[in-house]
Protein backbone atom coordinates (compact mmCIF):
# COMPACT_ATOMS: atom_id res chain seq x y z
CA UNK A 1 46.95 95.99 128.33
CA UNK A 2 45.49 93.33 130.54
CA UNK A 3 47.48 90.05 130.44
CA UNK A 4 45.50 86.97 129.40
CA UNK A 5 46.07 83.55 131.28
CA UNK A 6 45.03 80.32 129.98
CA UNK A 7 44.22 77.72 132.47
CA UNK A 8 43.53 74.17 131.35
CA UNK A 9 42.54 71.72 134.39
CA UNK A 10 40.02 69.24 134.48
CA UNK A 11 39.23 70.28 138.23
CA UNK A 12 36.65 72.79 138.37
CA UNK A 13 37.74 73.74 142.14
CA UNK A 14 41.15 74.51 140.77
CA UNK A 15 39.73 76.43 137.93
CA UNK A 16 37.56 78.46 140.07
CA UNK A 17 40.23 79.34 142.75
CA UNK A 18 42.68 80.18 140.04
CA UNK A 19 40.17 82.41 138.26
CA UNK A 20 39.27 84.36 141.34
CA UNK A 21 42.81 84.78 142.43
CA UNK A 22 44.01 86.02 139.00
CA UNK A 23 40.75 88.24 138.47
CA UNK A 24 41.55 90.17 141.78
CA UNK A 25 45.32 90.59 140.61
CA UNK A 26 44.00 92.17 137.49
CA UNK A 27 44.57 89.41 134.89
CA UNK A 28 42.09 88.24 132.37
CA UNK A 29 41.61 84.35 132.58
CA UNK A 30 40.30 81.87 130.22
CA UNK A 31 39.41 78.63 132.02
CA UNK A 32 38.97 75.33 130.37
CA UNK A 33 38.21 72.01 131.67
CA UNK A 34 39.75 70.10 128.69
CA UNK A 35 42.70 70.36 126.53
CA UNK A 36 42.98 72.29 123.37
CA UNK A 37 45.09 71.88 120.04
CA UNK A 38 47.80 74.42 119.46
CA UNK A 39 45.69 76.03 116.82
CA UNK A 40 42.74 76.49 119.32
CA UNK A 41 45.30 77.96 121.56
CA UNK A 42 46.73 80.27 119.14
CA UNK A 43 43.29 81.68 118.62
CA UNK A 44 42.85 82.41 122.30
CA UNK A 45 45.88 84.47 122.33
CA UNK A 46 47.30 83.73 125.95
CA UNK A 47 50.12 85.59 127.35
CA UNK A 48 50.64 82.62 129.58
CA UNK A 49 49.49 78.95 130.02
CA UNK A 50 48.86 77.10 133.21
CA UNK A 51 48.58 73.35 132.23
CA UNK A 52 47.64 70.44 134.17
CA UNK A 53 49.48 67.23 133.19
CA UNK A 54 46.48 64.84 133.61
CA UNK A 55 43.46 66.01 131.71
CA UNK A 56 40.54 63.46 132.03
CA UNK A 57 38.55 62.78 128.74
CA UNK A 58 41.09 64.45 126.38
CA UNK A 59 43.24 62.68 123.72
CA UNK A 60 46.62 64.23 124.99
CA UNK A 61 48.03 64.99 128.36
CA UNK A 62 49.17 68.42 129.51
CA UNK A 63 52.92 67.54 128.58
CA UNK A 64 51.77 66.40 125.16
CA UNK A 65 49.98 69.92 124.74
CA UNK A 66 52.93 71.66 125.79
CA UNK A 67 55.07 69.90 123.47
CA UNK A 68 52.69 70.90 120.68
CA UNK A 69 52.74 74.50 121.75
CA UNK A 70 56.56 74.66 122.01
CA UNK A 71 57.00 73.15 118.65
CA UNK A 72 54.66 75.90 116.87
CA UNK A 73 56.53 79.21 115.96
CA UNK A 74 53.45 81.24 116.63
CA UNK A 75 53.30 79.89 120.26
CA UNK A 76 56.71 78.95 121.33
CA UNK A 77 57.57 82.19 123.14
CA UNK A 78 54.22 82.06 125.31
CA UNK A 79 55.36 80.73 128.87
CA UNK A 80 54.02 77.39 129.79
CA UNK A 81 53.80 76.26 133.64
CA UNK A 82 52.79 72.78 134.19
CA UNK A 83 50.69 72.05 137.21
CA UNK A 84 50.48 68.56 138.54
CA UNK A 85 51.06 66.10 141.61
CA UNK A 86 52.90 63.92 139.00
CA UNK A 87 56.10 62.53 140.72
CA UNK A 88 58.30 63.18 137.71
CA UNK A 89 56.85 66.59 137.05
CA UNK A 90 60.16 68.10 136.79
CA UNK A 91 61.31 65.57 134.01
CA UNK A 92 57.96 66.11 132.22
CA UNK A 93 58.33 69.88 132.16
CA UNK A 94 61.85 69.58 130.89
CA UNK A 95 61.05 67.26 128.06
CA UNK A 96 58.07 69.23 126.95
CA UNK A 97 60.21 72.65 127.17
CA UNK A 98 57.73 74.12 129.79
CA UNK A 99 58.98 77.21 131.15
CA UNK A 100 58.19 76.18 134.84
CA UNK A 101 56.33 73.85 136.77
CA UNK A 102 54.40 73.99 140.30
CA UNK A 103 53.37 70.81 142.30
CA UNK A 104 49.75 70.20 143.52
CA UNK A 105 48.71 71.18 146.14
CA UNK A 106 50.29 74.33 145.33
CA UNK A 107 50.74 77.64 147.29
CA UNK A 108 48.53 80.51 145.71
CA UNK A 109 51.26 83.08 146.73
CA UNK A 110 54.06 80.99 145.04
CA UNK A 111 51.86 80.47 142.00
CA UNK A 112 51.30 84.28 141.66
CA UNK A 113 54.72 85.19 142.04
CA UNK A 114 55.97 82.68 139.39
CA UNK A 115 53.26 84.06 137.07
CA UNK A 116 54.12 87.65 137.55
CA UNK A 117 57.77 86.95 136.90
CA UNK A 118 56.87 85.51 133.55
CA UNK A 119 54.38 88.41 132.64
CA UNK A 120 56.34 91.41 134.00
């Protein structure tokens, strides 16, 4: 069964690059420019979530969305990886119970390895 990766980032260039890379690796991607509620995410049924911290135009930031995901029993086992250039990214990831984080600008190979480790 093909693994589904949900990517939420307000930067279309990043979404496009991640979409291409993960498609070439055999993953299904759902690419969203804005945040979603935990209920909306549950309906998308992702196997992993890549989540930007700053999401322009959404009422919550990525760390808050992550916290919502991790507080839902139907979602709390889905790995969440925060992606951001925030200086305190490690603290944000720890506080929202994210499974990992990667700093922007990120190395695509490092991101692929991290995702594969969570999905295999």
